[in-house]
Amino acid sequence: MEKTTVSEKIGYGIASLGDAVGFGLVGTFLMFFLTNVASVPPAIAGTVTIIGTVWNALFNPVIGYCADKVRTRFGRRRPVILFFSIPLSATMFLLFTNIDIPMAIKPVYYAVMLILFWTCFTGFFVPYSALGAAYTSDYNDRTILRLFASFFNSTGTVFAMIAPTILVDIFCKSGMMLDEAWSATGGILGIITTASIIITVAVSGKKDPPCGKTENDGESIKRFNFSRIFGEYVSLIKLKPVKYLVLAGLFALVAYAMVVSNTVYFLTYNMGLSPSEISACMLIRALLGAALIPIVGKLIIAFDKRETLIGFILLGSAGMLITRFTDLPGGIVPVIYMISATICTATYWQVIPSAFYDVCEYDKITTGKKREAVIISFQGFIEAIAVGAGGQILGVVLQIAGFDGNSAVQSGSALLWIENSATVLPLLFYGAAIIALYKYPITKKSYEHMINRNR
């Protein structure tokens, strides 16, 4: 079986930088921007995120179904990736722009911008992820391919987690208003996102060769309807590996969304950190995420994806509980929390994508169908629901607790539930994810046996 070269892995992985920058900027800072810069009430800001989530959930099956039917002389995946990546940067700029309109209309504007963002992001992400399945079917080689992508993903996390607070601070000191600084930051990160994706499109032609468009493919796209695609989803969920992997992703990403969206609140109000100190904490997260890549890879190759991910989630959860229920010195709490949260969140993204590649191979062997983009879109469909639910839960919790985005000092109730939303509440969902992962049946041994049996 031909293995992928290092240059091919790098060429594929670099688009994950854009993936991380776009996803991380919106996931980490959008709620904070809406409540603290655009002055949108927390519960309404949470509603904005859930509207974007609903749209993303609906658009995932559309792009997944259509992307599997595309046949062009430029390949199956790359034309779709390029088409959606170009306007992605503009949506990031507009989403972080505080427009001067009545407050009654402002949430509508951000809901529309978020819909456009998720349209472009998902339009790129689904065919990009499906493209990775075409690189190799080897268990270990797929793991390494995704770890290369994880390296660039971690690099993108540096921009997404650190750059916003640094850039906003620099722009404000140079004379910009706060809202202008956020607009400029969104635009810069948007350009980085689109540029990295275009590089992957340019270098991945060998793995996405030209193909002829068939009459059946065109007719399939014309006959598209949601009953057809959700019928595919129903058939997928009947497969045991899909069912448990999807459940694990659902629960883990609700926790992920709560942790990531709440981090800036927790560090700002509970820990009392300055923007530069918050950037330092985000740097810890980014560097640790990168440092975990070779460790995770070696453990997966030595043991298994399932056991590796369960172990890291348990380890990170223990650290988060320590920061919540022990009396640690104040200065060390942010460091331990960021390390613990990163162990949970970063390892998920390093393991799960390659696990879905294994599911694609399982589906092809079991059903005889090649529907990589449909499977990846199903993953995206569940992720969209989970991330939106996590953001909505956080918004409602903060609203009920009395959080005031216009106040530099929060009430005791608000501080308590910011802390709980950073620790206890997400850990309930991580526990459910562990149970689902334990029941996931594809191990390294069973996968290799399946491949060897069907050669």
Protein backbone atom coordinates (compact mmCIF):
# COMPACT_ATOMS: atom_id res chain seq x y z
CA MET A 1 0.00 0.00 0.00
CA GLU A 2 1.52 3.35 -1.08
CA LYS A 3 2.16 5.75 1.80
CA THR A 4 1.80 9.50 1.54
CA THR A 5 4.99 11.57 1.38
CA VAL A 6 5.92 14.25 3.89
CA SER A 7 5.34 16.98 1.30
CA GLU A 8 1.87 15.59 0.57
CA LYS A 9 1.04 15.58 4.28
CA ILE A 10 2.21 19.18 4.62
CA GLY A 11 0.30 20.24 1.51
CA TYR A 12 -2.90 18.69 2.82
CA GLY A 13 -2.46 19.86 6.40
CA ILE A 14 -1.85 23.56 5.77
CA ALA A 15 -5.54 24.25 5.11
CA SER A 16 -6.18 23.16 8.70
CA LEU A 17 -4.49 26.40 9.71
CA GLY A 18 -7.36 28.25 8.06
CA ASP A 19 -9.84 25.84 9.59
CA ALA A 20 -8.52 26.60 13.08
CA VAL A 21 -8.29 30.36 12.59
CA GLY A 22 -11.87 30.71 11.35
CA PHE A 23 -13.45 28.20 13.71
CA GLY A 24 -11.38 29.35 16.69
CA LEU A 25 -12.01 33.06 16.21
CA VAL A 26 -15.77 32.58 16.04
CA GLY A 27 -15.90 29.89 18.71
CA THR A 28 -13.73 31.74 21.22
CA PHE A 29 -14.44 35.44 20.67
CA LEU A 30 -17.84 35.86 19.01
CA MET A 31 -19.88 35.66 22.21
CA PHE A 32 -17.44 38.02 23.93
CA PHE A 33 -17.52 40.43 20.97
CA LEU A 34 -21.32 40.44 20.82
CA THR A 35 -21.81 41.06 24.53
CA ASN A 36 -18.85 43.35 25.30
CA VAL A 37 -18.30 45.28 22.03
CA ALA A 38 -21.62 45.17 20.17
CA SER A 39 -23.57 45.35 23.50
CA VAL A 40 -25.91 42.48 22.60
CA PRO A 41 -27.49 40.90 25.74
CA PRO A 42 -26.00 37.44 26.55
CA ALA A 43 -29.20 35.45 25.97
CA ILE A 44 -29.79 37.16 22.61
CA ALA A 45 -26.14 36.62 21.69
CA GLY A 46 -26.66 32.94 22.48
CA THR A 47 -29.72 32.95 20.24
CA VAL A 48 -27.63 34.43 17.41
CA THR A 49 -25.18 31.55 17.75
CA ILE A 50 -27.97 28.97 17.74
CA ILE A 51 -29.45 30.51 14.55
CA GLY A 52 -26.07 30.10 12.91
CA THR A 53 -25.93 26.57 14.24
CA VAL A 54 -29.33 25.64 12.82
CA TRP A 55 -28.32 26.96 9.42
CA ASN A 56 -24.98 25.15 9.58
CA ALA A 57 -26.76 21.94 10.52
CA LEU A 58 -29.09 22.30 7.51
CA PHE A 59 -26.32 23.27 5.10
CA ASN A 60 -24.01 20.38 6.06
CA PRO A 61 -26.17 17.72 4.36
CA VAL A 62 -26.55 19.92 1.27
CA ILE A 63 -22.83 20.40 0.77
CA GLY A 64 -22.08 16.80 1.73
CA TYR A 65 -24.50 15.34 -0.78
CA CYS A 66 -23.56 17.71 -3.59
CA ALA A 67 -19.80 17.47 -3.00
CA ASP A 68 -19.94 13.70 -3.52
CA LYS A 69 -21.61 14.28 -6.91
CA VAL A 70 -19.22 16.93 -8.28
CA ARG A 71 -17.12 15.83 -11.26
CA THR A 72 -14.93 18.41 -13.03
CA ARG A 73 -11.71 18.49 -15.03
CA PHE A 74 -10.14 20.08 -11.93
CA GLY A 75 -11.16 17.21 -9.65
CA ARG A 76 -13.99 16.38 -7.26
CA ARG A 77 -13.08 18.31 -4.12
CA ARG A 78 -10.79 21.23 -4.92
CA PRO A 79 -13.21 23.34 -7.02
CA VAL A 80 -15.76 23.29 -4.20
CA ILE A 81 -13.11 24.10 -1.58
CA LEU A 82 -11.86 27.07 -3.61
CA PHE A 83 -15.35 28.39 -4.37
CA PHE A 84 -16.29 28.75 -0.71
CA SER A 85 -12.88 29.74 0.68
CA ILE A 86 -12.64 33.02 -1.26
CA PRO A 87 -15.59 34.85 0.41
CA LEU A 88 -14.82 33.30 3.81
CA SER A 89 -12.43 36.10 4.76
CA ALA A 90 -15.06 38.77 4.02
CA THR A 91 -17.60 37.10 6.31
CA MET A 92 -15.06 37.05 9.17
CA PHE A 93 -14.47 40.80 8.75
CA LEU A 94 -18.19 41.61 8.64
CA LEU A 95 -19.03 39.33 11.56
CA PHE A 96 -16.65 41.24 13.85
CA THR A 97 -17.78 44.68 12.71
CA ASN A 98 -19.93 46.68 15.14
CA ILE A 99 -22.37 48.45 12.86
CA ASP A 100 -24.26 51.54 14.03
CA ILE A 101 -27.89 50.42 13.79
CA PRO A 102 -30.73 50.17 16.35
CA MET A 103 -30.29 47.42 18.92
CA ALA A 104 -33.54 45.81 17.81
CA ILE A 105 -32.01 45.17 14.36
CA LYS A 106 -28.41 44.48 15.36
CA PRO A 107 -28.94 40.80 16.32
CA VAL A 108 -30.53 40.22 12.90
CA TYR A 109 -27.40 41.59 11.21
CA TYR A 110 -25.12 39.28 13.20
CA ALA A 111 -27.39 36.30 12.60
CA VAL A 112 -27.19 36.91 8.83
CA MET A 113 -23.41 37.36 8.96
CA LEU A 114 -23.05 34.18 11.00
CA ILE A 115 -25.18 32.29 8.47
CA LEU A 116 -22.90 33.51 5.67
CA PHE A 117 -19.81 32.58 7.68
CA TRP A 118 -21.01 29.02 8.32
CA THR A 119 -22.05 28.66 4.69
CA CYS A 120 -18.53 29.49 3.50
CA PHE A 121 -16.77 27.61 6.30
CA THR A 122 -18.77 24.40 5.88
CA GLY A 123 -18.64 24.70 2.10
CA PHE A 124 -14.85 24.49 2.37
CA PHE A 125 -14.53 22.16 5.35
CA VAL A 126 -16.67 19.21 4.22
CA PRO A 127 -14.96 18.63 0.85
CA TYR A 128 -11.57 19.38 2.43
CA SER A 129 -12.08 16.70 5.06
CA ALA A 130 -13.37 14.28 2.43
CA LEU A 131 -10.26 14.98 0.35
CA GLY A 132 -8.15 13.57 3.19
CA ALA A 133 -9.86 10.19 2.90
CA ALA A 134 -8.51 9.91 -0.66
CA TYR A 135 -4.89 10.26 0.44
CA THR A 136 -4.49 6.81 2.03
CA SER A 137 -6.45 3.90 3.53
CA ASP A 138 -3.63 2.77 5.85
CA TYR A 139 -4.60 3.05 9.56
CA ASN A 140 -1.30 4.48 10.77
CA ASP A 141 -0.72 6.63 7.69
CA ARG A 142 -4.16 8.21 8.11
CA THR A 143 -3.34 8.91 11.72
CA ILE A 144 -0.07 10.60 10.75
CA LEU A 145 -1.79 12.57 7.96
CA ARG A 146 -4.29 13.96 10.47
CA LEU A 147 -1.48 14.72 12.93
CA PHE A 148 0.19 16.86 10.28
CA ALA A 149 -3.15 18.61 9.88
CA SER A 150 -3.30 18.93 13.67
CA PHE A 151 0.10 20.67 13.67
CA PHE A 152 -1.21 23.33 11.31
CA ASN A 153 -4.45 23.38 13.27
CA SER A 154 -2.43 24.19 16.40
CA THR A 155 -0.57 26.91 14.51
CA GLY A 156 -3.91 28.35 13.48
CA THR A 157 -4.99 28.19 17.09
CA VAL A 158 -2.12 30.54 17.94
CA PHE A 159 -3.67 33.14 15.62
CA ALA A 160 -7.20 32.43 16.75
CA MET A 161 -6.53 32.44 20.49
CA ILE A 162 -3.66 34.91 20.87
CA ALA A 163 -3.75 37.30 17.93
CA PRO A 164 -7.19 38.86 18.58
CA THR A 165 -6.39 40.28 22.02
CA ILE A 166 -2.89 41.36 20.93
CA LEU A 167 -4.07 42.95 17.68
CA VAL A 168 -7.00 44.71 19.33
CA ASP A 169 -4.68 46.10 22.00
CA ILE A 170 -2.16 47.28 19.37
CA PHE A 171 -4.84 48.88 17.21
CA CYS A 172 -6.43 50.63 20.18
CA LYS A 173 -3.07 52.05 21.29
CA SER A 174 -2.50 53.30 17.74
CA GLY A 175 -5.68 55.40 17.96
CA MET A 176 -8.43 53.08 16.72
CA MET A 177 -11.72 52.79 18.53
CA LEU A 178 -12.38 49.40 20.14
CA ASP A 179 -14.95 48.34 17.55
CA GLU A 180 -12.66 49.44 14.69
CA ALA A 181 -9.86 47.36 16.18
CA TRP A 182 -12.07 44.28 16.23
CA SER A 183 -13.08 44.84 12.57
CA ALA A 184 -9.44 45.05 11.51
CA THR A 185 -8.61 41.93 13.51
CA GLY A 186 -11.42 39.97 11.90
CA GLY A 187 -10.23 41.06 8.46
CA ILE A 188 -6.59 40.08 9.07
CA LEU A 189 -7.48 36.66 10.40
CA GLY A 190 -9.90 36.20 7.51
CA ILE A 191 -7.11 36.79 4.98
CA ILE A 192 -4.88 34.25 6.76
CA THR A 193 -7.73 31.73 6.68
CA THR A 194 -8.41 32.03 2.96
CA ALA A 195 -4.73 32.10 1.98
CA SER A 196 -3.91 28.83 3.76
CA ILE A 197 -6.86 27.04 2.14
CA ILE A 198 -5.89 28.23 -1.33
CA ILE A 199 -2.38 26.81 -0.83
CA THR A 200 -3.81 23.34 -0.18
CA VAL A 201 -6.04 23.64 -3.25
CA ALA A 202 -2.99 24.51 -5.33
CA VAL A 203 -0.79 21.58 -4.21
CA SER A 204 -3.29 18.71 -3.85
CA GLY A 205 -4.07 18.09 -7.51
CA LYS A 206 -2.38 14.68 -7.55
CA LYS A 207 -4.79 13.39 -4.90
CA ASP A 208 -7.82 14.99 -6.57
CA PRO A 209 -7.31 14.11 -10.25
CA PRO A 210 -9.50 15.31 -13.14
CA CYS A 211 -12.68 13.35 -13.69
CA GLY A 212 -15.54 13.39 -16.12
CA LYS A 213 -18.98 14.57 -15.11
CA THR A 214 -21.52 11.81 -15.68
CA GLU A 215 -25.17 12.17 -16.53
CA ASN A 216 -26.18 10.27 -13.41
CA ASP A 217 -24.24 12.64 -11.20
CA GLY A 218 -25.97 15.65 -12.68
CA GLU A 219 -29.38 14.08 -12.32
CA SER A 220 -28.61 13.17 -8.69
CA ILE A 221 -27.83 16.79 -7.87
CA LYS A 222 -30.98 17.98 -9.62
CA ARG A 223 -33.05 15.46 -7.65
CA PHE A 224 -31.56 16.60 -4.33
CA ASN A 225 -33.99 16.93 -1.45
CA PHE A 226 -33.67 16.70 2.30
CA SER A 227 -35.61 13.45 2.53
CA ARG A 228 -32.98 11.85 0.28
CA ILE A 229 -30.00 13.10 2.29
CA PHE A 230 -31.58 12.40 5.66
CA GLY A 231 -32.37 8.95 4.36
CA GLU A 232 -28.60 8.58 3.89
CA TYR A 233 -28.08 9.79 7.45
CA VAL A 234 -30.58 7.24 8.78
CA SER A 235 -28.76 4.45 6.95
CA LEU A 236 -25.46 5.69 8.37
CA ILE A 237 -26.64 5.92 11.96
CA LYS A 238 -27.69 2.28 11.79
CA LEU A 239 -24.02 1.37 11.47
CA LYS A 240 -22.73 0.75 14.99
CA PRO A 241 -19.40 2.60 14.58
CA VAL A 242 -21.18 5.68 13.21
CA LYS A 243 -23.75 5.71 15.99
CA TYR A 244 -21.27 5.70 18.86
CA LEU A 245 -18.72 7.97 17.21
CA VAL A 246 -21.45 10.53 16.48
CA LEU A 247 -22.72 10.37 20.07
CA ALA A 248 -19.19 10.82 21.39
CA GLY A 249 -18.71 13.84 19.13
CA LEU A 250 -22.06 15.34 20.12
CA PHE A 251 -21.34 15.27 23.85
CA ALA A 252 -17.66 16.20 23.57
CA LEU A 253 -18.41 19.22 21.38
CA VAL A 254 -21.12 20.59 23.68
CA ALA A 255 -18.42 20.55 26.36
CA TYR A 256 -15.87 21.99 23.92
CA ALA A 257 -18.15 24.90 22.96
CA MET A 258 -18.83 25.78 26.59
CA VAL A 259 -15.14 25.65 27.53
CA VAL A 260 -13.88 27.62 24.53
CA SER A 261 -16.62 30.27 24.53
CA ASN A 262 -16.32 30.76 28.28
CA THR A 263 -12.52 30.96 28.49
CA VAL A 264 -12.29 34.72 27.91
CA TYR A 265 -15.03 35.38 30.48
CA PHE A 266 -13.34 33.12 33.06
CA LEU A 267 -9.88 34.61 32.61
CA THR A 268 -11.19 38.20 32.50
CA TYR A 269 -13.67 38.27 35.35
CA ASN A 270 -12.81 35.36 37.65
CA MET A 271 -9.03 35.44 37.28
CA GLY A 272 -8.79 39.21 36.73
CA LEU A 273 -6.23 38.89 33.95
CA SER A 274 -5.22 41.69 31.59
CA PRO A 275 -5.40 41.30 27.78
CA SER A 276 -1.67 40.51 27.61
CA GLU A 277 -2.01 37.91 30.37
CA ILE A 278 -4.98 36.34 28.58
CA SER A 279 -2.85 36.18 25.43
CA ALA A 280 -0.16 34.38 27.43
CA CYS A 281 -2.73 31.82 28.60
CA MET A 282 -3.91 31.34 25.04
CA LEU A 283 -0.28 30.83 24.01
CA ILE A 284 -0.01 28.06 26.61
CA ARG A 285 -3.03 26.42 25.04
CA ALA A 286 -1.67 26.71 21.51
CA LEU A 287 1.84 25.47 22.36
CA LEU A 288 0.52 22.59 24.44
CA GLY A 289 -1.81 21.59 21.61
CA ALA A 290 1.18 21.43 19.27
CA ALA A 291 3.30 19.56 21.83
CA LEU A 292 0.59 16.93 22.26
CA ILE A 293 0.60 16.03 18.54
CA PRO A 294 3.59 13.61 18.55
CA ILE A 295 2.55 12.19 21.93
CA VAL A 296 -0.97 11.47 20.72
CA GLY A 297 0.39 9.98 17.50
CA LYS A 298 2.73 7.59 19.27
CA LEU A 299 0.03 6.48 21.70
CA ILE A 300 -2.44 5.84 18.87
CA ILE A 301 0.11 3.77 16.95
CA ALA A 302 1.13 1.87 20.10
CA PHE A 303 -2.38 1.39 21.44
CA ASP A 304 -5.56 2.71 19.80
CA LYS A 305 -7.48 5.89 18.94
CA ARG A 306 -10.35 5.09 21.27
CA GLU A 307 -8.29 4.39 24.39
CA THR A 308 -5.97 7.32 23.69
CA LEU A 309 -8.81 9.83 23.51
CA ILE A 310 -10.59 8.44 26.58
CA GLY A 311 -7.36 8.65 28.56
CA PHE A 312 -6.68 12.26 27.65
CA ILE A 313 -10.26 13.36 28.38
CA LEU A 314 -10.05 11.75 31.83
CA LEU A 315 -6.70 13.41 32.50
CA GLY A 316 -7.88 16.85 31.43
CA SER A 317 -11.15 16.50 33.36
CA ALA A 318 -9.25 15.70 36.54
CA GLY A 319 -7.21 18.88 36.16
CA MET A 320 -10.33 21.00 35.60
CA LEU A 321 -11.92 19.56 38.73
CA ILE A 322 -8.77 20.38 40.71
CA THR A 323 -8.98 24.04 39.70
CA ARG A 324 -12.65 24.15 40.74
CA PHE A 325 -12.62 22.35 44.07
CA THR A 326 -9.14 22.90 45.55
CA ASP A 327 -7.66 26.02 47.08
CA LEU A 328 -4.74 26.65 44.75
CA PRO A 329 -2.68 29.87 44.69
CA GLY A 330 -4.41 32.36 42.37
CA GLY A 331 -1.52 32.73 39.95
CA ILE A 332 -1.30 29.04 39.14
CA VAL A 333 -5.03 28.46 38.55
CA PRO A 334 -5.14 29.93 35.00
CA VAL A 335 -2.10 27.86 33.98
CA ILE A 336 -3.48 24.57 35.32
CA TYR A 337 -6.90 25.32 33.87
CA MET A 338 -5.56 26.09 30.40
CA ILE A 339 -3.40 22.96 30.41
CA SER A 340 -6.31 20.78 31.54
CA ALA A 341 -8.83 22.28 29.12
CA THR A 342 -6.37 21.93 26.24
CA ILE A 343 -5.76 18.26 27.01
CA CYS A 344 -9.50 17.68 26.58
CA THR A 345 -10.17 19.91 23.59
CA ALA A 346 -7.00 19.57 21.48
CA THR A 347 -6.83 15.78 21.58
CA TYR A 348 -10.43 15.54 20.37
CA TRP A 349 -9.54 17.32 17.12
CA GLN A 350 -6.36 15.27 16.75
CA VAL A 351 -8.14 11.91 17.01
CA ILE A 352 -11.74 12.18 15.80
CA PRO A 353 -11.14 13.24 12.15
CA SER A 354 -8.99 10.18 11.44
CA ALA A 355 -11.58 8.02 13.22
CA PHE A 356 -14.18 9.28 10.74
CA TYR A 357 -11.84 8.26 7.90
CA ASP A 358 -11.92 4.76 9.39
CA VAL A 359 -15.71 4.93 9.38
CA CYS A 360 -15.63 5.94 5.69
CA GLU A 361 -13.64 2.79 4.93
CA TYR A 362 -15.98 0.68 7.08
CA ASP A 363 -18.99 2.09 5.24
CA LYS A 364 -17.44 1.43 1.82
CA ILE A 365 -16.66 -2.17 2.72
CA THR A 366 -19.97 -2.83 4.49
CA THR A 367 -22.38 -1.12 2.09
CA GLY A 368 -20.34 -0.85 -1.11
CA LYS A 369 -20.93 2.91 -1.27
CA LYS A 370 -18.39 5.73 -1.60
CA ARG A 371 -19.95 8.60 0.34
CA GLU A 372 -17.06 10.23 2.16
CA ALA A 373 -18.49 13.76 1.93
CA VAL A 374 -21.89 12.60 3.20
CA ILE A 375 -20.23 11.00 6.22
CA ILE A 376 -18.08 14.07 6.88
CA SER A 377 -21.16 16.29 6.48
CA PHE A 378 -22.98 14.09 9.00
CA GLN A 379 -20.09 14.71 11.36
CA GLY A 380 -20.41 18.44 10.62
CA PHE A 381 -24.19 18.29 11.10
CA ILE A 382 -23.76 16.85 14.59
CA GLU A 383 -20.89 19.22 15.39
CA ALA A 384 -22.98 22.22 14.37
CA ILE A 385 -25.81 21.14 16.67
CA ALA A 386 -23.39 20.46 19.53
CA VAL A 387 -21.43 23.72 19.23
CA GLY A 388 -24.63 25.75 18.95
CA ALA A 389 -26.15 23.98 21.93
CA GLY A 390 -23.02 24.63 23.98
CA GLY A 391 -23.07 28.33 23.11
CA GLN A 392 -26.80 28.57 23.83
CA ILE A 393 -26.41 26.84 27.20
CA LEU A 394 -23.61 29.23 28.15
CA GLY A 395 -25.61 32.29 27.08
CA VAL A 396 -28.67 31.24 29.07
CA VAL A 397 -26.59 30.40 32.14
CA LEU A 398 -24.83 33.79 32.06
CA GLN A 399 -28.12 35.63 31.51
CA ILE A 400 -29.83 33.89 34.44
CA ALA A 401 -26.76 34.44 36.62
CA GLY A 402 -26.96 38.19 36.00
CA PHE A 403 -23.93 38.74 33.78
CA ASP A 404 -23.60 42.35 32.57
CA GLY A 405 -21.33 42.86 29.58
CA ASN A 406 -21.15 46.62 30.23
CA SER A 407 -19.81 46.18 33.76
CA ALA A 408 -16.12 45.69 34.57
CA VAL A 409 -17.07 43.92 37.83
CA GLN A 410 -19.57 41.06 37.89
CA SER A 411 -21.88 39.93 40.70
CA GLY A 412 -21.04 36.95 42.89
CA SER A 413 -23.71 34.88 41.15
CA ALA A 414 -22.30 35.70 37.70
CA LEU A 415 -18.76 34.82 38.81
CA LEU A 416 -19.91 31.52 40.31
CA TRP A 417 -21.64 30.40 37.12
CA ILE A 418 -18.83 31.57 34.88
CA GLU A 419 -16.59 29.28 36.94
CA ASN A 420 -19.10 26.40 36.83
CA SER A 421 -19.45 26.84 33.07
CA ALA A 422 -15.69 26.52 32.77
CA THR A 423 -15.48 23.33 34.82
CA VAL A 424 -18.43 21.37 36.24
CA LEU A 425 -21.02 21.78 33.48
CA PRO A 426 -18.79 20.77 30.53
CA LEU A 427 -17.44 17.81 32.48
CA LEU A 428 -20.93 16.31 32.61
CA PHE A 429 -20.91 16.18 28.82
CA TYR A 430 -17.35 14.86 28.69
CA GLY A 431 -18.48 11.99 30.91
CA ALA A 432 -21.23 11.09 28.44
CA ALA A 433 -18.69 11.27 25.58
CA ILE A 434 -16.42 8.78 27.36
CA ILE A 435 -19.27 6.27 27.66
CA ALA A 436 -20.02 6.54 23.93
CA LEU A 437 -16.32 6.19 23.04
CA TYR A 438 -16.06 3.08 25.17
CA LYS A 439 -18.81 1.47 23.06
CA TYR A 440 -17.23 2.52 19.72
CA PRO A 441 -16.23 -0.80 18.10
CA ILE A 442 -13.47 0.08 15.59
CA THR A 443 -10.09 -0.59 17.13
CA LYS A 444 -6.72 -0.70 15.42
CA LYS A 445 -6.83 -4.50 15.40
CA SER A 446 -10.39 -4.75 14.04
CA TYR A 447 -9.70 -2.13 11.35
CA GLU A 448 -6.58 -3.91 10.07
CA HIS A 449 -8.45 -7.22 10.07
CA MET A 450 -11.28 -5.63 8.04
CA ILE A 451 -8.84 -4.18 5.47
CA ASN A 452 -6.85 -7.41 5.11
CA ARG A 453 -10.00 -9.48 4.75
CA ASN A 454 -11.26 -7.34 1.86
CA ARG A 455 -8.08 -6.94 -0.17
